[in-house]
Amino acid sequence: MRKVALLIMALLALQACSHMPWSNKDEEGQQEDKGIFSFFSHKSTNSEERFKKMLQSGGTLEESRAARLGLAEAYFRDEDYEEAANAYRQYLEMHPLSPNSDYVQFKLGLCYYKLMLPPDRDQEYTEQAIEAFEKLGEVYPASPYLPRAMMLLQECRNRLAKHDIVVGRYYYKTKQYHAALNRFRLAQTIKGIKGDVMAEALYWEGKTLEKLDQKEEALKCYQEIVKNYGMWEDVDKAEEAIKEIKTGKKKKRFWLF
């Protein structure tokens, strides 16, 4: 058991280096990694059971900690992200002061990231991923996993904002304009979203305000898009909307069949 526990600890130490883009190992070091990583090199139906038995058998704190993390890693390797998330979360609850805690916090967020659904579906996993990545930045600001986590965090926030836009457009289509307006504005409150997502939310806010006969407020939305998000692929729609409001004339649209 001791040998397996030490092997897992060595694996974790190597993972901490190999996950980072600036890792620079010589050929001998890479061969050493391959030897240790062969422990997890293929899917095995009994790997989870082996770690569970290690946990049940007691042992030292170090052995328990290594086995618990090994179990989480085995679930993650097998793409069982629900079970992996549970195992990582239990690890953090049981071993909050572990030197691997920042790595585990990152992997917890990564599990939820892997489980995220498209913008038109429920976003519970997206919200959990955001919470996990934000906690990594708050609790472990010097973690080497933070740069990657911040990139994924922005993707999560964009996904959440796009979800609000999708829901808002449904309300708009069904003429529930006040509900639509709330959703488009909610999307804009999400921290750190990309410019094109913000521009889309503003555009649909403007269209909704026009439906509510608040043309001056709608004009401000379109003008903000042109001023601050000129690279948005549909910026011409905002420019046309500005002209229509100012002139009071709708552009004639020709349909080709």
Foldseek 3Di string as FASTA:
>chain_A
DVVVLVLLVVLLVVCLQVVFPVRDDDPVVVVVNVVSCVVQVDQDPCQLVVLVVQCVVDDDPSSNLSSLLSNLVNCVSVVVLVVSLVSLVVSCVVCVPDPCNLVSLQSNLVSLLSVADALQDDGPSLVVSLVSLVVSCVVPVPRSCNVVSVVSNQVSLQSPLSNLQVVLVVCVVVVVLVSSLVSLVVSCPRPNHDLLSVLSSLQVNLVSCVVVVNNVVSLVSLVCCVVPVVVHPVNVVSVQSNVCSVVVDHDDDDDDD
